[in-house]
Protein backbone atom coordinates (compact mmCIF):
# COMPACT_ATOMS: atom_id res chain seq x y z
CA UNK A 1 0.00 0.00 0.00
CA UNK A 2 2.80 2.40 0.93
CA UNK A 3 4.67 1.74 -2.31
CA UNK A 4 1.47 2.30 -4.25
CA UNK A 5 0.95 5.72 -2.63
CA UNK A 6 4.56 6.66 -3.35
CA UNK A 7 4.05 5.66 -6.99
CA UNK A 8 0.95 7.88 -7.20
CA UNK A 9 2.81 10.84 -5.69
CA UNK A 10 5.80 10.42 -8.01
CA UNK A 11 3.53 10.00 -11.03
CA UNK A 12 1.48 13.08 -10.14
CA UNK A 13 4.56 15.23 -9.57
CA UNK A 14 6.16 14.04 -12.82
CA UNK A 15 2.94 14.74 -14.72
CA UNK A 16 2.73 18.22 -13.17
CA UNK A 17 6.26 18.98 -14.34
CA UNK A 18 5.46 17.65 -17.82
CA UNK A 19 2.28 19.75 -18.01
CA UNK A 20 4.19 22.86 -16.91
CA UNK A 21 6.85 22.26 -19.56
CA UNK A 22 4.12 21.70 -22.16
CA UNK A 23 2.50 24.98 -21.05
CA UNK A 24 5.85 26.77 -21.46
CA UNK A 25 6.08 25.35 -24.96
CA UNK A 26 2.50 25.92 -26.18
CA UNK A 27 1.66 28.92 -23.93
CA UNK A 28 -2.14 28.72 -23.72
CA UNK A 29 -3.93 31.33 -21.63
CA UNK A 30 -4.99 30.13 -18.20
CA UNK A 31 -8.47 31.29 -19.05
CA UNK A 32 -11.76 29.46 -19.51
CA UNK A 33 -12.29 31.40 -22.75
CA UNK A 34 -9.27 29.72 -24.34
CA UNK A 35 -10.18 26.36 -25.96
CA UNK A 36 -6.53 25.27 -25.68
CA UNK A 37 -6.77 25.59 -21.89
CA UNK A 38 -9.72 23.18 -21.89
CA UNK A 39 -7.68 20.80 -24.04
CA UNK A 40 -4.86 20.96 -21.51
CA UNK A 41 -7.18 20.15 -18.61
CA UNK A 42 -8.93 17.28 -20.39
CA UNK A 43 -5.65 15.88 -21.70
CA UNK A 44 -4.06 16.02 -18.25
CA UNK A 45 -6.98 14.11 -16.70
CA UNK A 46 -6.87 11.45 -19.41
CA UNK A 47 -3.11 10.98 -19.04
CA UNK A 48 -3.41 10.84 -15.23
CA UNK A 49 -6.11 8.18 -15.55
CA UNK A 50 -4.02 6.09 -17.94
CA UNK A 51 -0.96 6.31 -15.70
CA UNK A 52 -3.06 5.47 -12.64
CA UNK A 53 -4.36 2.37 -14.41
CA UNK A 54 -0.78 1.39 -15.24
CA UNK A 55 0.21 1.77 -11.58
CA UNK A 56 -2.69 -0.41 -10.44
CA UNK A 57 -1.79 -3.01 -13.02
CA UNK A 58 1.83 -3.06 -11.89
CA UNK A 59 0.69 -3.76 -8.33
CA UNK A 60 -1.58 -6.57 -9.40
CA UNK A 61 -4.85 -4.71 -9.03
CA UNK A 62 -7.81 -6.81 -10.18
CA UNK A 63 -10.80 -5.37 -8.35
CA UNK A 64 -12.94 -2.61 -9.79
CA UNK A 65 -12.22 -0.53 -6.68
CA UNK A 66 -8.50 -0.59 -7.51
CA UNK A 67 -9.18 1.40 -10.68
CA UNK A 68 -11.67 3.81 -9.12
CA UNK A 69 -9.29 6.82 -9.10
CA UNK A 70 -8.31 6.24 -12.72
CA UNK A 71 -11.95 5.91 -13.71
CA UNK A 72 -12.89 9.11 -11.91
CA UNK A 73 -10.09 11.02 -13.68
CA UNK A 74 -11.14 9.76 -17.12
CA UNK A 75 -14.81 10.39 -16.37
CA UNK A 76 -14.00 13.95 -15.30
CA UNK A 77 -12.08 14.45 -18.53
CA UNK A 78 -15.01 13.18 -20.59
CA UNK A 79 -17.43 15.33 -18.61
CA UNK A 80 -15.34 18.48 -19.01
CA UNK A 81 -14.98 17.83 -22.74
CA UNK A 82 -18.74 17.37 -23.06
CA UNK A 83 -19.40 20.59 -21.14
CA UNK A 84 -16.93 22.42 -23.39
CA UNK A 85 -18.73 21.19 -26.51
CA UNK A 86 -22.10 22.25 -25.09
CA UNK A 87 -20.73 25.70 -24.24
CA UNK A 88 -19.28 26.01 -27.75
CA UNK A 89 -22.70 25.16 -29.19
CA UNK A 90 -24.41 27.60 -26.82
CA UNK A 91 -21.94 30.30 -27.92
CA UNK A 92 -22.72 29.85 -31.61
CA UNK A 93 -24.42 32.34 -33.89
CA UNK A 94 -27.47 30.06 -34.14
CA UNK A 95 -28.63 31.19 -30.70
CA UNK A 96 -27.14 34.69 -30.57
CA UNK A 97 -27.40 36.11 -34.09
CA UNK A 98 -28.54 39.59 -33.00
CA UNK A 99 -25.79 39.78 -30.36
CA UNK A 100 -23.15 38.87 -32.93
CA UNK A 101 -24.58 41.51 -35.28
CA UNK A 102 -24.34 44.17 -32.58
CA UNK A 103 -20.65 43.70 -31.77
CA UNK A 104 -19.70 46.18 -34.51
CA UNK A 105 -21.58 49.46 -34.93
CA UNK A 106 -21.86 50.43 -38.61
CA UNK A 107 -22.61 53.97 -39.78
CA UNK A 108 -24.05 54.37 -43.26
CA UNK A 109 -22.84 57.42 -45.17
CA UNK A 110 -23.88 58.67 -48.58
CA UNK A 111 -20.78 60.69 -49.50
CA UNK A 112 -17.48 58.82 -49.66
CA UNK A 113 -15.32 61.55 -51.23
CA UNK A 114 -14.51 63.26 -47.91
CA UNK A 115 -13.30 59.98 -46.38
CA UNK A 116 -11.05 58.81 -49.23
CA UNK A 117 -7.57 59.92 -50.24
CA UNK A 118 -7.81 62.23 -53.22
CA UNK A 119 -5.70 62.12 -56.34
CA UNK A 120 -3.83 65.16 -55.04
CA UNK A 121 -2.68 63.31 -51.89
CA UNK A 122 -1.14 60.22 -53.44
CA UNK A 123 1.30 59.81 -50.54
CA UNK A 124 -1.53 58.46 -48.35
CA UNK A 125 -2.35 55.60 -50.71
CA UNK A 126 -0.86 52.27 -49.58
CA UNK A 127 -0.70 50.15 -52.73
CA UNK A 128 2.19 47.83 -51.93
CA UNK A 129 1.38 44.34 -50.71
CA UNK A 130 3.48 42.44 -48.20
CA UNK A 131 5.24 40.32 -50.84
CA UNK A 132 6.50 43.39 -52.71
CA UNK A 133 7.52 45.06 -49.45
CA UNK A 134 9.48 41.95 -48.47
CA UNK A 135 11.39 42.00 -51.76
CA UNK A 136 12.40 45.63 -51.26
CA UNK A 137 13.34 44.93 -47.65
CA UNK A 138 15.45 41.92 -48.61
CA UNK A 139 17.19 43.96 -51.29
CA UNK A 140 17.98 46.71 -48.78
CA UNK A 141 19.35 44.38 -46.14
CA UNK A 142 21.34 42.53 -48.80
CA UNK A 143 23.36 45.69 -49.39
CA UNK A 144 24.50 45.75 -45.73
CA UNK A 145 27.25 43.14 -45.53
CA UNK A 146 27.74 43.38 -41.76
CA UNK A 147 24.03 42.72 -41.15
CA UNK A 148 22.97 40.26 -43.84
CA UNK A 149 25.38 37.56 -42.67
CA UNK A 150 23.78 37.34 -39.21
CA UNK A 151 20.17 38.46 -39.63
CA UNK A 152 17.18 38.10 -41.95
CA UNK A 153 14.24 40.43 -42.44
CA UNK A 154 11.10 39.11 -40.77
CA UNK A 155 8.25 38.49 -43.18
CA UNK A 156 5.78 39.88 -40.61
CA UNK A 157 5.40 43.36 -42.09
CA UNK A 158 2.94 45.65 -40.33
CA UNK A 159 1.02 48.42 -42.08
CA UNK A 160 1.18 51.55 -39.92
CA UNK A 161 0.58 55.29 -40.25
CA UNK A 162 3.74 57.22 -39.47
CA UNK A 163 3.64 61.01 -39.63
CA UNK A 164 0.42 60.85 -41.68
CA UNK A 165 1.93 58.59 -44.34
CA UNK A 166 1.54 54.84 -44.90
CA UNK A 167 4.55 52.76 -43.93
CA UNK A 168 5.28 49.04 -43.81
CA UNK A 169 7.70 48.07 -41.05
CA UNK A 170 9.42 44.86 -40.04
CA UNK A 171 12.17 44.00 -37.58
CA UNK A 172 15.21 41.95 -38.42
CA UNK A 173 15.34 38.43 -37.02
CA UNK A 174 18.04 35.97 -36.03
CA UNK A 175 19.06 33.72 -38.94
CA UNK A 176 18.70 30.51 -36.91
CA UNK A 177 19.50 29.33 -33.41
CA UNK A 178 23.29 29.37 -33.91
CA UNK A 179 23.16 33.04 -34.96
CA UNK A 180 20.94 33.68 -31.94
CA UNK A 181 23.53 32.36 -29.49
CA UNK A 182 26.27 34.26 -31.30
CA UNK A 183 24.43 37.61 -31.28
CA UNK A 184 22.01 37.47 -28.35
CA UNK A 185 24.19 39.80 -26.30
CA UNK A 186 23.88 42.56 -28.88
CA UNK A 187 20.30 41.75 -29.83
CA UNK A 188 18.54 42.69 -33.06
CA UNK A 189 20.30 45.84 -34.35
CA UNK A 190 17.49 47.52 -36.32
CA UNK A 191 14.41 47.37 -38.48
CA UNK A 192 13.28 47.95 -42.07
CA UNK A 193 10.79 50.57 -43.25
CA UNK A 194 9.17 50.41 -46.68
CA UNK A 195 7.20 53.30 -48.18
CA UNK A 196 4.29 51.94 -50.26
CA UNK A 197 3.85 55.32 -51.96
CA UNK A 198 7.53 55.95 -52.78
CA UNK A 199 8.34 52.27 -53.41
CA UNK A 200 11.61 52.42 -51.47
CA UNK A 201 13.07 50.82 -48.34
CA UNK A 202 15.30 52.09 -45.52
CA UNK A 203 17.22 50.39 -42.74
CA UNK A 204 17.03 52.04 -39.31
CA UNK A 205 19.83 51.12 -36.91
CA UNK A 206 19.08 51.30 -33.19
CA UNK A 207 21.36 52.64 -30.48
CA UNK A 208 20.66 49.49 -28.45
CA UNK A 209 19.59 46.13 -29.84
CA UNK A 210 16.21 44.44 -29.38
CA UNK A 211 16.42 41.36 -27.13
CA UNK A 212 12.77 40.29 -26.79
CA UNK A 213 11.79 39.34 -30.32
CA UNK A 214 9.84 36.51 -31.99
CA UNK A 215 13.01 34.91 -33.38
CA UNK A 216 14.69 34.65 -29.95
CA UNK A 217 14.63 31.49 -27.85
CA UNK A 218 13.86 30.45 -24.29
CA UNK A 219 12.89 33.32 -21.97
CA UNK A 220 13.81 35.97 -24.56
CA UNK A 221 11.18 34.66 -26.96
CA UNK A 222 8.73 37.55 -27.30
CA UNK A 223 5.50 35.59 -26.92
CA UNK A 224 6.84 33.62 -23.94
CA UNK A 225 8.04 36.86 -22.31
CA UNK A 226 4.53 38.33 -22.56
CA UNK A 227 2.74 35.13 -21.53
CA UNK A 228 4.76 34.82 -18.32
CA UNK A 229 3.76 38.37 -17.38
CA UNK A 230 0.11 37.99 -18.47
CA UNK A 231 -0.76 34.28 -18.01
CA UNK A 232 -4.53 34.80 -18.26
CA UNK A 233 -4.63 37.17 -21.27
CA UNK A 234 -6.22 35.90 -24.49
CA UNK A 235 -3.57 36.62 -27.13
CA UNK A 236 -3.61 35.86 -30.84
CA UNK A 237 -0.94 37.58 -32.90
CA UNK A 238 1.08 40.77 -32.59
CA UNK A 239 2.25 43.73 -34.68
CA UNK A 240 5.58 45.50 -34.98
CA UNK A 241 4.97 49.26 -34.67
CA UNK A 242 6.79 52.55 -34.14
CA UNK A 243 5.96 55.32 -31.71
CA UNK A 244 6.08 58.97 -32.75
CA UNK A 245 9.86 59.09 -32.19
CA UNK A 246 10.54 55.99 -34.27
CA UNK A 247 11.15 53.69 -31.28
CA UNK A 248 10.15 50.07 -31.95
CA UNK A 249 7.38 48.27 -30.04
CA UNK A 250 5.51 45.02 -30.35
CA UNK A 251 1.79 45.33 -29.66
CA UNK A 252 -0.46 42.44 -28.59
CA UNK A 253 -4.25 42.85 -28.75
CA UNK A 254 -5.91 41.26 -25.71
CA UNK A 255 -9.18 39.56 -26.63
CA UNK A 256 -12.37 38.86 -24.76
CA UNK A 257 -15.24 36.70 -25.98
CA UNK A 258 -18.54 38.54 -25.65
CA UNK A 259 -20.94 35.58 -25.98
CA UNK A 260 -20.75 32.80 -23.38
CA UNK A 261 -17.17 31.51 -23.34
CA UNK A 262 -16.25 30.99 -26.98
CA UNK A 263 -18.35 33.34 -29.13
CA UNK A 264 -18.18 36.93 -30.33
CA UNK A 265 -14.46 37.72 -30.11
CA UNK A 266 -13.59 41.36 -29.50
CA UNK A 267 -10.61 43.36 -28.23
CA UNK A 268 -10.56 44.70 -24.68
CA UNK A 269 -7.02 46.10 -24.53
CA UNK A 270 -3.47 46.13 -25.88
CA UNK A 271 -0.11 45.15 -24.39
CA UNK A 272 2.78 47.26 -25.71
CA UNK A 273 6.22 45.66 -25.34
CA UNK A 274 9.53 47.52 -25.56
CA UNK A 275 11.73 44.86 -27.23
CA UNK A 276 14.92 46.58 -26.07
CA UNK A 277 14.24 46.61 -22.32
CA UNK A 278 11.42 44.08 -22.16
CA UNK A 279 9.16 46.56 -20.34
CA UNK A 280 5.44 46.04 -20.91
CA UNK A 281 2.39 48.28 -20.53
CA UNK A 282 -1.26 47.29 -20.73
CA UNK A 283 -3.83 49.77 -22.10
CA UNK A 284 -7.59 49.42 -22.03
CA UNK A 285 -9.06 49.71 -25.50
CA UNK A 286 -10.33 53.23 -24.79
CA UNK A 287 -6.93 54.44 -23.57
CA UNK A 288 -4.69 53.16 -26.37
CA UNK A 289 -2.08 55.76 -27.43
CA UNK A 290 -2.59 57.24 -30.89
CA UNK A 291 0.71 55.85 -32.19
CA UNK A 292 -0.61 52.29 -31.81
CA UNK A 293 -2.33 51.69 -35.14
CA UNK A 294 -3.31 48.04 -35.06
CA UNK A 295 -5.70 47.30 -32.20
CA UNK A 296 -8.19 45.47 -34.41
CA UNK A 297 -6.57 43.64 -37.32
CA UNK A 298 -8.22 43.51 -40.72
CA UNK A 299 -9.34 39.88 -40.44
CA UNK A 300 -11.20 40.54 -37.17
CA UNK A 301 -12.81 43.70 -38.55
CA UNK A 302 -14.01 41.83 -41.63
CA UNK A 303 -15.38 39.00 -39.48
CA UNK A 304 -17.26 41.47 -37.28
CA UNK A 305 -18.68 43.30 -40.28
CA UNK A 306 -19.87 40.00 -41.74
CA UNK A 307 -21.65 39.25 -38.45
CA UNK A 308 -23.38 42.61 -38.74
CA UNK A 309 -24.22 42.21 -42.42
CA UNK A 310 -25.44 38.62 -42.23
CA UNK A 311 -27.21 38.38 -38.88
CA UNK A 312 -28.87 41.75 -38.24
CA UNK A 313 -32.13 40.13 -39.40
CA UNK A 314 -31.58 36.95 -37.41
CA UNK A 315 -29.87 33.64 -38.12
CA UNK A 316 -32.68 32.01 -40.10
CA UNK A 317 -33.10 35.11 -42.24
CA UNK A 318 -29.43 34.68 -43.27
CA UNK A 319 -30.20 31.12 -44.40
CA UNK A 320 -33.59 31.42 -46.08
CA UNK A 321 -35.01 34.79 -47.21
CA UNK A 322 -31.65 36.62 -46.81
CA UNK A 323 -33.46 39.96 -46.68
CA UNK A 324 -30.97 42.81 -46.27
CA UNK A 325 -28.01 40.41 -45.95
CA UNK A 326 -24.61 41.52 -47.18
CA UNK A 327 -21.02 40.45 -46.68
CA UNK A 328 -17.42 41.37 -47.38
CA UNK A 329 -16.35 40.63 -50.95
CA UNK A 330 -14.86 37.14 -51.11
CA UNK A 331 -11.95 35.79 -53.14
CA UNK A 332 -12.75 33.19 -55.77
CA UNK A 333 -10.58 30.08 -55.93
CA UNK A 334 -7.26 30.77 -57.60
CA UNK A 335 -7.53 34.57 -57.36
CA UNK A 336 -5.39 35.12 -54.30
CA UNK A 337 -1.94 36.39 -55.22
CA UNK A 338 0.99 35.69 -52.92
CA UNK A 339 1.55 38.63 -50.64
CA UNK A 340 -1.98 40.07 -50.83
CA UNK A 341 -3.38 41.28 -47.54
CA UNK A 342 -5.74 38.34 -47.35
CA UNK A 343 -7.00 35.62 -45.10
CA UNK A 344 -7.57 32.94 -47.72
CA UNK A 345 -9.14 30.60 -45.17
CA UNK A 346 -11.92 33.15 -44.66
CA UNK A 347 -12.03 34.08 -48.35
CA UNK A 348 -11.53 37.79 -47.64
CA UNK A 349 -9.16 40.41 -48.94
CA UNK A 350 -8.69 44.08 -48.18
CA UNK A 351 -6.53 47.13 -48.71
CA UNK A 352 -5.38 50.01 -46.54
CA UNK A 353 -6.05 53.74 -46.49
CA UNK A 354 -4.24 56.20 -44.20
CA UNK A 355 -6.43 59.04 -42.97
CA UNK A 356 -5.88 61.40 -40.02
CA UNK A 357 -2.79 59.37 -39.06
CA UNK A 358 -4.89 56.23 -38.62
CA UNK A 359 -4.91 53.07 -40.72
CA UNK A 360 -8.28 52.19 -42.20
CA UNK A 361 -9.12 48.84 -43.76
CA UNK A 362 -10.96 49.17 -47.06
CA UNK A 363 -12.91 46.47 -48.86
CA UNK A 364 -16.04 46.00 -50.92
CA UNK A 365 -19.43 44.75 -49.77
CA UNK A 366 -21.55 42.47 -51.92
CA UNK A 367 -24.85 40.62 -51.76
CA UNK A 368 -24.99 36.91 -51.04
CA UNK A 369 -25.40 35.85 -54.66
CA UNK A 370 -21.69 36.54 -55.42
CA UNK A 371 -22.39 38.24 -58.75
CA UNK A 372 -18.96 39.92 -59.04
CA UNK A 373 -20.37 43.33 -58.22
CA UNK A 374 -20.34 45.45 -55.10
CA UNK A 375 -23.30 47.16 -53.49
CA UNK A 376 -20.98 49.38 -51.49
CA UNK A 377 -17.74 49.76 -49.58
CA UNK A 378 -16.63 49.83 -45.96
CA UNK A 379 -13.84 51.76 -44.28
CA UNK A 380 -12.92 50.35 -40.85
CA UNK A 381 -10.47 51.97 -38.42
CA UNK A 382 -7.88 49.52 -37.06
CA UNK A 383 -7.38 51.59 -33.90
CA UNK A 384 -10.93 52.57 -32.93
CA UNK A 385 -13.12 50.03 -34.82
CA UNK A 386 -15.10 52.87 -36.36
CA UNK A 387 -16.89 51.44 -39.40
CA UNK A 388 -18.51 53.40 -42.22
CA UNK A 389 -20.55 51.85 -45.03
CA UNK A 390 -20.98 53.67 -48.34
CA UNK A 391 -23.74 52.41 -50.70
CA UNK A 392 -21.90 52.77 -54.01
CA UNK A 393 -22.66 50.15 -56.64
CA UNK A 394 -19.94 49.00 -59.01
CA UNK A 395 -17.49 46.29 -59.95
CA UNK A 396 -15.88 44.31 -57.16
CA UNK A 397 -12.15 44.39 -56.56
CA UNK A 398 -11.42 41.12 -58.34
CA UNK A 399 -13.18 42.33 -61.50
CA UNK A 400 -11.17 45.55 -61.37
CA UNK A 401 -7.94 43.59 -60.97
CA UNK A 402 -8.75 41.44 -64.00
CA UNK A 403 -9.61 44.55 -66.02
CA UNK A 404 -6.24 46.10 -65.15
CA UNK A 405 -4.38 42.90 -66.00
CA UNK A 406 -6.20 42.75 -69.33
CA UNK A 407 -4.82 46.14 -70.36
CA UNK A 408 -1.29 44.70 -70.38
CA UNK A 409 -2.05 41.02 -70.83
CA UNK A 410 0.87 40.60 -73.24
CA UNK A 411 3.25 41.06 -70.28
CA UNK A 412 1.47 38.69 -67.90
CA UNK A 413 1.46 41.23 -65.06
CA UNK A 414 -0.57 40.46 -61.92
CA UNK A 415 -2.53 43.12 -60.06
CA UNK A 416 -2.25 43.60 -56.32
CA UNK A 417 -5.39 44.19 -54.27
CA UNK A 418 -6.52 47.74 -55.08
CA UNK A 419 -7.11 50.75 -52.90
CA UNK A 420 -9.99 53.15 -53.34
CA UNK A 421 -9.39 56.84 -54.01
CA UNK A 422 -11.42 59.85 -55.04
CA UNK A 423 -10.53 61.43 -58.38
CA UNK A 424 -12.48 64.66 -58.72
CA UNK A 425 -15.58 63.10 -57.16
CA UNK A 426 -15.30 59.78 -58.99
CA UNK A 427 -14.63 56.65 -56.84
CA UNK A 428 -11.71 54.85 -58.47
CA UNK A 429 -9.71 51.71 -57.83
CA UNK A 430 -5.95 52.18 -57.99
CA UNK A 431 -3.44 49.33 -57.85
CA UNK A 432 0.00 48.17 -58.90
CA UNK A 433 0.80 45.58 -61.56
CA UNK A 434 3.69 43.22 -60.81
CA UNK A 435 5.79 40.96 -62.99
CA UNK A 436 6.53 37.30 -62.29
CA UNK A 437 9.32 38.20 -59.86
CA UNK A 438 7.00 40.41 -57.81
CA UNK A 439 8.48 43.75 -58.89
CA UNK A 440 6.13 46.67 -59.48
CA UNK A 441 6.07 47.50 -63.20
CA UNK A 442 2.95 49.61 -63.76
CA UNK A 443 0.14 51.44 -61.98
CA UNK A 444 -3.49 51.03 -62.95
CA UNK A 445 -6.65 53.05 -62.27
CA UNK A 446 -10.07 51.47 -62.85
CA UNK A 447 -13.43 53.20 -62.67
CA UNK A 448 -15.66 51.64 -60.00
CA UNK A 449 -18.93 52.18 -61.86
CA UNK A 450 -17.57 51.28 -65.32
CA UNK A 451 -14.61 48.95 -65.00
CA UNK A 452 -13.95 49.08 -68.74
CA UNK A 453 -12.50 52.56 -68.11
CA UNK A 454 -8.87 51.67 -67.32
CA UNK A 455 -5.64 53.66 -67.37
CA UNK A 456 -2.11 52.33 -66.87
CA UNK A 457 1.25 54.10 -66.60
CA UNK A 458 4.76 53.80 -65.20
CA UNK A 459 4.12 56.22 -62.32
CA UNK A 460 1.18 56.78 -60.03
CA UNK A 461 0.82 60.45 -61.00
CA UNK A 462 0.94 59.69 -64.73
CA UNK A 463 -1.63 56.92 -64.26
CA UNK A 464 -4.03 59.29 -62.51
CA UNK A 465 -3.57 61.90 -65.22
CA UNK A 466 -4.24 59.37 -68.01
CA UNK A 467 -7.31 58.16 -66.17
CA UNK A 468 -8.53 61.71 -65.78
CA UNK A 469 -8.11 62.22 -69.51
CA UNK A 470 -10.32 59.19 -70.11
CA UNK A 471 -12.94 60.91 -67.98
CA UNK A 472 -12.61 63.99 -70.17
CA UNK A 473 -10.81 66.10 -67.57
CA UNK A 474 -7.37 67.65 -67.37
CA UNK A 475 -4.35 66.36 -65.47
CA UNK A 476 -4.70 66.59 -61.69
CA UNK A 477 -1.19 65.92 -60.40
CA UNK A 478 2.39 66.24 -61.55
CA UNK A 479 5.09 63.57 -61.29
CA UNK A 480 5.90 64.57 -57.69
CA UNK A 481 2.32 63.85 -56.66
CA UNK A 482 1.51 67.53 -56.06
CA UNK A 483 -1.71 69.07 -57.24
CA UNK A 484 -1.39 71.17 -60.35
CA UNK A 485 -2.39 74.73 -59.63
CA UNK A 486 -4.30 75.16 -62.86
CA UNK A 487 -5.05 73.09 -65.92
CA UNK A 488 -2.94 73.59 -69.00
CA UNK A 489 -4.73 75.45 -71.79
CA UNK A 490 -6.33 73.27 -74.45
CA UNK A 491 -4.19 72.90 -77.58
CA UNK A 492 -5.64 74.02 -80.87
CA UNK A 493 -6.52 71.09 -83.12
CA UNK A 494 -6.34 71.57 -86.87
CA UNK A 495 -8.71 69.59 -89.13
CA UNK A 496 -6.73 67.65 -91.74
CA UNK A 497 -7.71 65.32 -94.56
CA UNK A 498 -4.99 62.74 -95.10
CA UNK A 499 -4.59 59.86 -97.55
CA UNK A 500 -2.69 56.92 -96.04
CA UNK A 501 0.57 56.00 -97.75
CA UNK A 502 1.82 53.79 -94.89
CA UNK A 503 0.55 52.71 -91.45
CA UNK A 504 2.64 51.19 -88.62
CA UNK A 505 2.00 50.07 -85.00
CA UNK A 506 4.89 50.82 -82.60
CA UNK A 507 5.21 50.00 -78.87
CA UNK A 508 6.75 52.79 -76.78
CA UNK A 509 7.18 52.26 -72.99
CA UNK A 510 4.44 49.66 -72.95
CA UNK A 511 1.96 51.79 -74.96
CA UNK A 512 0.98 51.06 -78.56
CA UNK A 513 1.11 54.02 -80.95
CA UNK A 514 -0.29 54.16 -84.47
CA UNK A 515 1.91 56.04 -86.96
CA UNK A 516 0.46 57.13 -90.31
CA UNK A 517 2.50 58.45 -93.22
CA UNK A 518 0.34 60.56 -95.52
CA UNK A 519 0.78 60.96 -99.26
CA UNK A 520 1.83 64.52 -98.38
CA UNK A 521 4.85 62.91 -96.57
CA UNK A 522 3.61 64.23 -93.19
CA UNK A 523 3.68 61.85 -90.19
CA UNK A 524 0.69 61.64 -87.85
CA UNK A 525 0.38 59.53 -84.70
CA UNK A 526 -2.17 58.54 -82.06
CA UNK A 527 -2.06 56.27 -79.01
CA UNK A 528 -3.89 53.01 -79.54
CA UNK A 529 -6.38 52.57 -76.72
CA UNK A 530 -7.70 56.12 -76.97
CA UNK A 531 -10.27 57.04 -79.54
CA UNK A 532 -11.90 54.91 -82.23
CA UNK A 533 -9.73 51.78 -82.11
CA UNK A 534 -12.02 49.73 -84.34
CA UNK A 535 -11.95 52.44 -86.99
CA UNK A 536 -8.14 52.65 -87.05
CA UNK A 537 -7.90 48.86 -87.41
CA UNK A 538 -10.10 49.04 -90.54
CA UNK A 539 -7.80 51.59 -92.19
CA UNK A 540 -5.66 50.48 -95.12
CA UNK A 541 -3.16 52.12 -97.45
CA UNK A 542 -5.05 54.40 -99.82
CA UNK A 543 -7.87 55.22 -97.38
CA UNK A 544 -8.65 58.87 -96.75
CA UNK A 545 -9.12 60.07 -93.15
CA UNK A 546 -10.52 63.21 -91.65
CA UNK A 547 -8.54 63.86 -88.44
CA UNK A 548 -7.80 66.67 -85.97
CA UNK A 549 -4.07 67.23 -85.39
CA UNK A 550 -2.17 69.23 -82.76
CA UNK A 551 1.16 70.99 -83.22
CA UNK A 552 3.13 67.79 -82.48
CA UNK A 553 1.35 65.70 -85.07
CA UNK A 554 -0.78 63.81 -82.54
CA UNK A 555 -4.28 63.33 -83.89
CA UNK A 556 -7.72 62.43 -82.66
CA UNK A 557 -9.67 59.99 -84.79
CA UNK A 558 -13.44 60.44 -84.70
CA UNK A 559 -15.60 57.51 -85.68
CA UNK A 560 -16.59 56.85 -89.32
CA UNK A 561 -13.66 58.79 -90.83
CA UNK A 562 -12.46 56.41 -93.52
CA UNK A 563 -13.00 57.10 -97.18
CA UNK A 564 -16.48 55.63 -97.02
CA UNK A 565 -17.47 58.51 -94.76
CA UNK A 566 -15.11 61.18 -96.06
CA UNK A 567 -16.19 63.96 -98.32
């Protein structure tokens, strides 16, 4: 009997040590709202029961009473697991649809122009996806020989607003455990910033290295460092951010489930970690400093908006009549490009807009029939959770991306997820087009209401100006992104009747130009893609055209101007 009790004590102590080590490895919250904590409890009881049965067997136990303790442990594990499943069911949207719908407050606005970046403020438009930012960051760090041999650039880029401009930032990381032991005394020496508007990257070296980072090990591992200080906090992800002075911080949203134990996830606060000193500060969600941009990440905001859009009329309404139901635009299979700001498991994608030094998530809203059109757009603030819905019908983002790709289909460029801007009162998608290696090659602007109106160019300013010309308006910005003070005067066009002696198609900087040599030996040209393209393709040598020509020989081609319609 005494030996049996000793065996139970030793087994229980050994299991307690093993569970503690497993907790240090997996780091679940000691919180009933964390499903992993329930798994730990149930698993511990099952293992204790199995080991207790083994002890009884080793001592020759044959009576049912000998296995009573093991049976109780296993029964408790089964009971706790069953209770957990019942609570999960009770927390589901089936029973709490209206509560889920009320977690996010949505304000409907008619005018979107005041809340969007305008064509004159192109520096606030964040077009670069994470994959493109990573390539620029890798290229920058590759030029620093003393850094690249010991460190890599983390792929966890965060989109922040820094001094009213969009910025993607990422810390360096140890290039493996051997490099960690070699450099842990000095820490991580700096971080990378990438400007999505300027398409360039910079390396910022710190006076003192960062010790508490995700790529560290043991007690310097960032997540473990935070978990030991906040063992009950519900954590799921972090962001690398900069304060107003450019000092690095890691920020951890702290979650709280609003419905029973497992339903209706929301944010109740943020833990800010100084990776240099390891100091931590918790802020309630209403007291978060303005320099912290990412309290609510885009995936959570999109989930909460979907709850509002789908379940405001109740759960069964979302299944059957679907009256008034709407949802975030979803990605079709095969349409997610590497590096897009997307959660492919949820089928959502979104872009970013910087406004008033805050980062806003932008995405389209569609009906439930997935007809490749939007019924409106939402802008959601990642710091405050403010959400505005704008009922503007038009093409969805994927249709706009395909339209932009089609303009330069001969190059095989792929469009990144677009942003939404205001061009003289016209809602417009703007995006970058990348080649197979992920480098930005062109910019594209696509009209929301009529996605066959597409402009492409080498620079963002030139793209906006070409798009504005398609709308029948003058150029808005110059190559520096500054607003032009006044429109250039209209050039005088001279009517000319020309007989074609020769016609050629020439590609210049990705644009196709049509050159015509007249029988008068004068050369006339026009850009293919503007004007009556079908008419120019019907022209042959010997045809007579009626055109309007400016001083540089560039002509406009009205419809029906071949010799059949000429005087």
